[in-house]
Amino acid sequence: MELLKKRIMQDGKCFPGGILKVDSFINHQIDPVLIGQIAEEFVRRFAGKKITKIVTVEASGIAPAIMVGYLMQLPVVFIKKKMPRTMENMLTSTIHSFTKERDYTVCVSRDFLTPDDHILFIDDFLAYGNAAAGMIDLADQAGAVIEGMGFVIEKAFQHGADQIRKRNIPVESLAIVESLDDCRIVLR
């Protein structure tokens, strides 16, 4: 997606340790026009799949997931990083955050992730695949089917997509970062 790649090169910032900061247009301040175009591209790429629900992990995946859900006219569920006292009958998994360098016990209600669901997982970044692994674990626990996973930005050098594809889950990434060596952004 050329517009996204242009914005990454123009406004993205690189930090040591393989961190790409896109908070001025994707995951802190959000460019709604760009997010809308991102959602349209995900809808196009997953058009042939039987999808009943869009799922993401809070918080950075919520904006693109809601736009995809809106365009596909499907419900959107976000996996919570904090267990609410009011949630009953929940599924849990542990996800390690590469950016925040900590583990989260995430949860989702069994009411919103069921054996009848065919899921499209949407997230802002794919690095090592930790959030995706947590999603796969939750879907397995629920008996749901993951029809595909869409990522706004993939850091190919961290090989998360390889782990997902080993599970025969289709992966679509709209911009693929080949390298952030020497804090230089190199896109595929």
C-alpha atoms as a PDB file:
ATOM      1  CA  MET A   1       0.000   0.000   0.000  1.00  0.00           C
ATOM      2  CA  GLU A   2       1.920   2.940  -1.351  1.00  0.00           C
ATOM      3  CA  LEU A   3       0.241   5.701   0.676  1.00  0.00           C
ATOM      4  CA  LEU A   4       1.029   3.885   3.926  1.00  0.00           C
ATOM      5  CA  LYS A   5       4.646   3.307   2.872  1.00  0.00           C
ATOM      6  CA  LYS A   6       4.986   6.991   2.005  1.00  0.00           C
ATOM      7  CA  ARG A   7       3.681   8.012   5.445  1.00  0.00           C
ATOM      8  CA  ILE A   8       6.042   5.597   7.196  1.00  0.00           C
ATOM      9  CA  MET A   9       9.011   7.047   5.338  1.00  0.00           C
ATOM     10  CA  GLN A  10       7.825  10.630   5.852  1.00  0.00           C
ATOM     11  CA  ASP A  11       6.563  10.525   9.455  1.00  0.00           C
ATOM     12  CA  GLY A  12       7.841   7.280  10.980  1.00  0.00           C
ATOM     13  CA  LYS A  13      10.657   7.417  13.501  1.00  0.00           C
ATOM     14  CA  CYS A  14      13.153   4.685  14.231  1.00  0.00           C
ATOM     15  CA  PHE A  15      14.626   3.970  17.653  1.00  0.00           C
ATOM     16  CA  PRO A  16      17.420   1.577  18.648  1.00  0.00           C
ATOM     17  CA  GLY A  17      16.386  -2.018  19.221  1.00  0.00           C
ATOM     18  CA  GLY A  18      14.141  -2.376  16.170  1.00  0.00           C
ATOM     19  CA  ILE A  19      11.414   0.044  17.254  1.00  0.00           C
ATOM     20  CA  LEU A  20       9.423   1.919  14.611  1.00  0.00           C
ATOM     21  CA  LYS A  21       7.309   4.761  15.966  1.00  0.00           C
ATOM     22  CA  VAL A  22       4.235   5.685  13.909  1.00  0.00           C
ATOM     23  CA  ASP A  23       2.314   7.434  16.666  1.00  0.00           C
ATOM     24  CA  SER A  24       1.692  10.588  14.639  1.00  0.00           C
ATOM     25  CA  PHE A  25      -0.673   8.792  12.236  1.00  0.00           C
ATOM     26  CA  ILE A  26      -1.469   5.177  13.316  1.00  0.00           C
ATOM     27  CA  ASN A  27      -1.474   4.465  17.035  1.00  0.00           C
ATOM     28  CA  HIS A  28      -1.596   7.636  19.148  1.00  0.00           C
ATOM     29  CA  GLN A  29      -2.730  10.429  16.876  1.00  0.00           C
ATOM     30  CA  ILE A  30      -4.767   8.740  14.158  1.00  0.00           C
ATOM     31  CA  ASP A  31      -5.180   9.839  10.554  1.00  0.00           C
ATOM     32  CA  PRO A  32      -8.773   8.679   9.923  1.00  0.00           C
ATOM     33  CA  VAL A  33      -8.482   9.021   6.131  1.00  0.00           C
ATOM     34  CA  LEU A  34      -5.420   6.766   6.101  1.00  0.00           C
ATOM     35  CA  ILE A  35      -7.077   4.301   8.512  1.00  0.00           C
ATOM     36  CA  GLY A  36     -10.100   4.215   6.191  1.00  0.00           C
ATOM     37  CA  GLN A  37      -7.876   3.374   3.223  1.00  0.00           C
ATOM     38  CA  ILE A  38      -6.068   0.737   5.281  1.00  0.00           C
ATOM     39  CA  ALA A  39      -9.439  -0.817   6.146  1.00  0.00           C
ATOM     40  CA  GLU A  40     -10.510  -0.805   2.495  1.00  0.00           C
ATOM     41  CA  GLU A  41      -7.321  -2.663   1.579  1.00  0.00           C
ATOM     42  CA  PHE A  42      -7.886  -5.300   4.286  1.00  0.00           C
ATOM     43  CA  VAL A  43     -11.476  -5.771   3.072  1.00  0.00           C
ATOM     44  CA  ARG A  44     -10.174  -6.251  -0.484  1.00  0.00           C
ATOM     45  CA  ARG A  45      -7.478  -8.731   0.582  1.00  0.00           C
ATOM     46  CA  PHE A  46      -9.819 -10.865   2.711  1.00  0.00           C
ATOM     47  CA  ALA A  47     -12.885 -10.594   0.436  1.00  0.00           C
ATOM     48  CA  GLY A  48     -13.107 -14.330  -0.278  1.00  0.00           C
ATOM     49  CA  LYS A  49     -13.068 -15.446   3.348  1.00  0.00           C
ATOM     50  CA  LYS A  50     -16.043 -16.462   5.467  1.00  0.00           C
ATOM     51  CA  ILE A  51     -15.691 -13.957   8.304  1.00  0.00           C
ATOM     52  CA  THR A  52     -18.209 -13.415  11.089  1.00  0.00           C
ATOM     53  CA  LYS A  53     -16.206 -11.226  13.469  1.00  0.00           C
ATOM     54  CA  ILE A  54     -13.260  -8.816  13.523  1.00  0.00           C
ATOM     55  CA  VAL A  55     -10.953  -9.209  16.551  1.00  0.00           C
ATOM     56  CA  THR A  56      -8.020  -7.127  17.782  1.00  0.00           C
ATOM     57  CA  VAL A  57      -6.032  -6.526  20.969  1.00  0.00           C
ATOM     58  CA  GLU A  58      -6.423  -3.216  22.774  1.00  0.00           C
ATOM     59  CA  ALA A  59      -5.465  -0.575  22.134  1.00  0.00           C
ATOM     60  CA  SER A  60      -3.548   0.151  18.944  1.00  0.00           C
ATOM     61  CA  GLY A  61      -5.452  -2.275  16.738  1.00  0.00           C
ATOM     62  CA  ILE A  62      -8.856  -0.860  17.630  1.00  0.00           C
ATOM     63  CA  ALA A  63      -8.955   1.959  15.053  1.00  0.00           C
ATOM     64  CA  PRO A  64      -8.220  -0.177  11.973  1.00  0.00           C
ATOM     65  CA  ALA A  65     -10.347  -3.051  13.312  1.00  0.00           C
ATOM     66  CA  ILE A  66     -13.384  -0.805  13.788  1.00  0.00           C
ATOM     67  CA  MET A  67     -13.023   0.568  10.278  1.00  0.00           C
ATOM     68  CA  VAL A  68     -12.774  -2.962   8.842  1.00  0.00           C
ATOM     69  CA  GLY A  69     -15.806  -4.005  10.882  1.00  0.00           C
ATOM     70  CA  TYR A  70     -17.724  -0.965   9.654  1.00  0.00           C
ATOM     71  CA  LEU A  71     -16.930  -1.696   6.011  1.00  0.00           C
ATOM     72  CA  MET A  72     -17.689  -5.427   6.359  1.00  0.00           C
ATOM     73  CA  GLN A  73     -20.715  -4.721   8.593  1.00  0.00           C
ATOM     74  CA  LEU A  74     -19.428  -7.136  11.221  1.00  0.00           C
ATOM     75  CA  PRO A  75     -19.023  -6.885  14.999  1.00  0.00           C
ATOM     76  CA  VAL A  76     -15.614  -5.965  16.379  1.00  0.00           C
ATOM     77  CA  VAL A  77     -14.238  -7.495  19.573  1.00  0.00           C
ATOM     78  CA  PHE A  78     -11.136  -6.255  21.295  1.00  0.00           C
ATOM     79  CA  ILE A  79      -9.196  -8.488  23.606  1.00  0.00           C
ATOM     80  CA  LYS A  80      -8.667  -6.696  26.901  1.00  0.00           C
ATOM     81  CA  LYS A  81      -5.279  -6.257  28.562  1.00  0.00           C
ATOM     82  CA  LYS A  82      -6.825  -5.879  32.003  1.00  0.00           C
ATOM     83  CA  MET A  83      -9.328  -8.314  33.452  1.00  0.00           C
ATOM     84  CA  PRO A  84     -12.483  -6.433  34.407  1.00  0.00           C
ATOM     85  CA  ARG A  85     -14.201  -7.462  37.623  1.00  0.00           C
ATOM     86  CA  THR A  86     -17.483  -7.584  35.737  1.00  0.00           C
ATOM     87  CA  MET A  87     -16.389 -10.103  33.109  1.00  0.00           C
ATOM     88  CA  GLU A  88     -17.559 -13.635  33.714  1.00  0.00           C
ATOM     89  CA  ASN A  89     -16.832 -16.796  31.789  1.00  0.00           C
ATOM     90  CA  MET A  90     -13.642 -15.479  30.215  1.00  0.00           C
ATOM     91  CA  LEU A  91     -10.840 -16.954  28.176  1.00  0.00           C
ATOM     92  CA  THR A  92      -7.299 -15.834  29.005  1.00  0.00           C
ATOM     93  CA  SER A  93      -3.865 -15.974  27.458  1.00  0.00           C
ATOM     94  CA  THR A  94      -0.488 -14.332  28.061  1.00  0.00           C
ATOM     95  CA  ILE A  95       0.995 -11.946  25.517  1.00  0.00           C
ATOM     96  CA  HIS A  96       4.462 -10.423  25.685  1.00  0.00           C
ATOM     97  CA  SER A  97       4.657  -6.823  24.469  1.00  0.00           C
ATOM     98  CA  PHE A  98       7.844  -6.216  22.500  1.00  0.00           C
ATOM     99  CA  THR A  99       7.466  -2.424  22.722  1.00  0.00           C
ATOM    100  CA  LYS A 100       6.594  -2.232  26.407  1.00  0.00           C
ATOM    101  CA  GLU A 101       8.832  -5.152  27.423  1.00  0.00           C
ATOM    102  CA  ARG A 102       6.224  -6.773  29.668  1.00  0.00           C
ATOM    103  CA  ASP A 103       3.739  -9.617  29.753  1.00  0.00           C
ATOM    104  CA  TYR A 104      -0.009  -9.072  29.738  1.00  0.00           C
ATOM    105  CA  THR A 105      -2.669 -11.557  30.756  1.00  0.00           C
ATOM    106  CA  VAL A 106      -5.318 -10.774  28.182  1.00  0.00           C
ATOM    107  CA  CYS A 107      -8.939 -11.829  28.268  1.00  0.00           C
ATOM    108  CA  VAL A 108     -12.096 -12.032  26.227  1.00  0.00           C
ATOM    109  CA  SER A 109     -15.587 -13.126  27.176  1.00  0.00           C
ATOM    110  CA  ARG A 110     -16.687 -16.532  25.897  1.00  0.00           C
ATOM    111  CA  ASP A 111     -19.889 -14.709  24.908  1.00  0.00           C
ATOM    112  CA  PHE A 112     -17.953 -12.828  22.222  1.00  0.00           C
ATOM    113  CA  LEU A 113     -15.571 -15.546  21.014  1.00  0.00           C
ATOM    114  CA  THR A 114     -17.449 -18.748  20.256  1.00  0.00           C
ATOM    115  CA  PRO A 115     -17.146 -21.959  18.233  1.00  0.00           C
ATOM    116  CA  ASP A 116     -19.410 -20.347  15.593  1.00  0.00           C
ATOM    117  CA  ASP A 117     -16.951 -17.517  14.918  1.00  0.00           C
ATOM    118  CA  HIS A 118     -14.785 -17.146  11.853  1.00  0.00           C
ATOM    119  CA  ILE A 119     -12.292 -14.465  12.830  1.00  0.00           C
ATOM    120  CA  LEU A 120     -10.319 -11.843  10.986  1.00  0.00           C
ATOM    121  CA  PHE A 121      -7.630 -10.599  13.382  1.00  0.00           C
ATOM    122  CA  ILE A 122      -6.442  -7.027  12.722  1.00  0.00           C
ATOM    123  CA  ASP A 123      -3.529  -5.312  14.467  1.00  0.00           C
ATOM    124  CA  ASP A 124      -1.222  -2.359  13.911  1.00  0.00           C
ATOM    125  CA  PHE A 125       2.103  -4.234  14.091  1.00  0.00           C
ATOM    126  CA  LEU A 126       3.450  -7.717  13.525  1.00  0.00           C
ATOM    127  CA  ALA A 127       6.900  -8.155  15.069  1.00  0.00           C
ATOM    128  CA  TYR A 128       7.645 -11.461  16.785  1.00  0.00           C
ATOM    129  CA  GLY A 129       4.013 -12.540  16.535  1.00  0.00           C
ATOM    130  CA  ASN A 130       3.276 -12.467  20.256  1.00  0.00           C
ATOM    131  CA  ALA A 131      -0.166 -10.847  19.984  1.00  0.00           C
ATOM    132  CA  ALA A 132      -1.012 -13.189  17.120  1.00  0.00           C
ATOM    133  CA  ALA A 133       0.052 -16.197  19.210  1.00  0.00           C
ATOM    134  CA  GLY A 134      -2.212 -14.996  22.021  1.00  0.00           C
ATOM    135  CA  MET A 135      -5.075 -14.647  19.538  1.00  0.00           C
ATOM    136  CA  ILE A 136      -4.457 -18.156  18.212  1.00  0.00           C
ATOM    137  CA  ASP A 137      -4.481 -19.496  21.780  1.00  0.00           C
ATOM    138  CA  LEU A 138      -7.773 -17.735  22.577  1.00  0.00           C
ATOM    139  CA  ALA A 139      -9.370 -18.921  19.323  1.00  0.00           C
ATOM    140  CA  ASP A 140      -8.242 -22.487  20.038  1.00  0.00           C
ATOM    141  CA  GLN A 141      -9.742 -22.304  23.528  1.00  0.00           C
ATOM    142  CA  ALA A 142     -13.023 -20.969  22.107  1.00  0.00           C
ATOM    143  CA  GLY A 143     -13.136 -23.416  19.204  1.00  0.00           C
ATOM    144  CA  ALA A 144     -13.244 -20.458  16.789  1.00  0.00           C
ATOM    145  CA  VAL A 145     -11.613 -20.449  13.342  1.00  0.00           C
ATOM    146  CA  ILE A 146      -9.105 -17.784  12.351  1.00  0.00           C
ATOM    147  CA  GLU A 147      -9.709 -17.035   8.671  1.00  0.00           C
ATOM    148  CA  GLY A 148      -6.840 -14.571   8.414  1.00  0.00           C
ATOM    149  CA  MET A 149      -4.658 -12.013  10.115  1.00  0.00           C
ATOM    150  CA  GLY A 150      -4.083  -8.509   8.813  1.00  0.00           C
ATOM    151  CA  PHE A 151      -1.337  -6.211  10.006  1.00  0.00           C
ATOM    152  CA  VAL A 152      -0.849  -2.581   9.113  1.00  0.00           C
ATOM    153  CA  ILE A 153       2.954  -2.889   9.457  1.00  0.00           C
ATOM    154  CA  GLU A 154       5.067  -6.050   9.582  1.00  0.00           C
ATOM    155  CA  LYS A 155       8.672  -6.060  10.763  1.00  0.00           C
ATOM    156  CA  ALA A 156       9.844  -8.953   8.587  1.00  0.00           C
ATOM    157  CA  PHE A 157      13.236  -9.172  10.298  1.00  0.00           C
ATOM    158  CA  GLN A 158      11.504 -10.311  13.506  1.00  0.00           C
ATOM    159  CA  HIS A 159       9.856 -13.292  11.727  1.00  0.00           C
ATOM    160  CA  GLY A 160       6.404 -13.197  13.337  1.00  0.00           C
ATOM    161  CA  ALA A 161       4.680 -13.941  10.028  1.00  0.00           C
ATOM    162  CA  ASP A 162       6.660 -17.171   9.687  1.00  0.00           C
ATOM    163  CA  GLN A 163       5.233 -18.442  12.986  1.00  0.00           C
ATOM    164  CA  ILE A 164       1.663 -17.645  11.927  1.00  0.00           C
ATOM    165  CA  ARG A 165       2.004 -19.220   8.490  1.00  0.00           C
ATOM    166  CA  LYS A 166       3.254 -22.452  10.110  1.00  0.00           C
ATOM    167  CA  ARG A 167      -0.299 -22.702  11.473  1.00  0.00           C
ATOM    168  CA  ASN A 168      -1.696 -22.322   7.910  1.00  0.00           C
ATOM    169  CA  ILE A 169      -3.279 -18.965   8.748  1.00  0.00           C
ATOM    170  CA  PRO A 170      -3.262 -16.428   5.899  1.00  0.00           C
ATOM    171  CA  VAL A 171      -1.297 -13.281   6.746  1.00  0.00           C
ATOM    172  CA  GLU A 172      -1.615  -9.945   4.975  1.00  0.00           C
ATOM    173  CA  SER A 173       0.665  -7.025   5.859  1.00  0.00           C
ATOM    174  CA  LEU A 174       0.123  -3.669   4.175  1.00  0.00           C
ATOM    175  CA  ALA A 175       3.676  -2.388   4.681  1.00  0.00           C
ATOM    176  CA  ILE A 176       6.653  -4.644   5.313  1.00  0.00           C
ATOM    177  CA  VAL A 177       9.766  -3.308   7.018  1.00  0.00           C
ATOM    178  CA  GLU A 178      12.857  -5.219   5.918  1.00  0.00           C
ATOM    179  CA  SER A 179      15.270  -3.516   8.301  1.00  0.00           C
ATOM    180  CA  LEU A 180      15.640  -0.829  10.922  1.00  0.00           C
ATOM    181  CA  ASP A 181      19.413  -1.276  11.180  1.00  0.00           C
ATOM    182  CA  ASP A 182      21.281   1.888  12.139  1.00  0.00           C
ATOM    183  CA  CYS A 183      17.865   3.513  12.662  1.00  0.00           C
ATOM    184  CA  ARG A 184      17.282   3.586   8.914  1.00  0.00           C
ATOM    185  CA  ILE A 185      13.821   2.493   7.724  1.00  0.00           C
ATOM    186  CA  VAL A 186      14.031   0.055   4.810  1.00  0.00           C
ATOM    187  CA  LEU A 187      10.716  -1.083   3.338  1.00  0.00           C
ATOM    188  CA  ARG A 188      10.103  -4.033   1.033  1.00  0.00           C
END
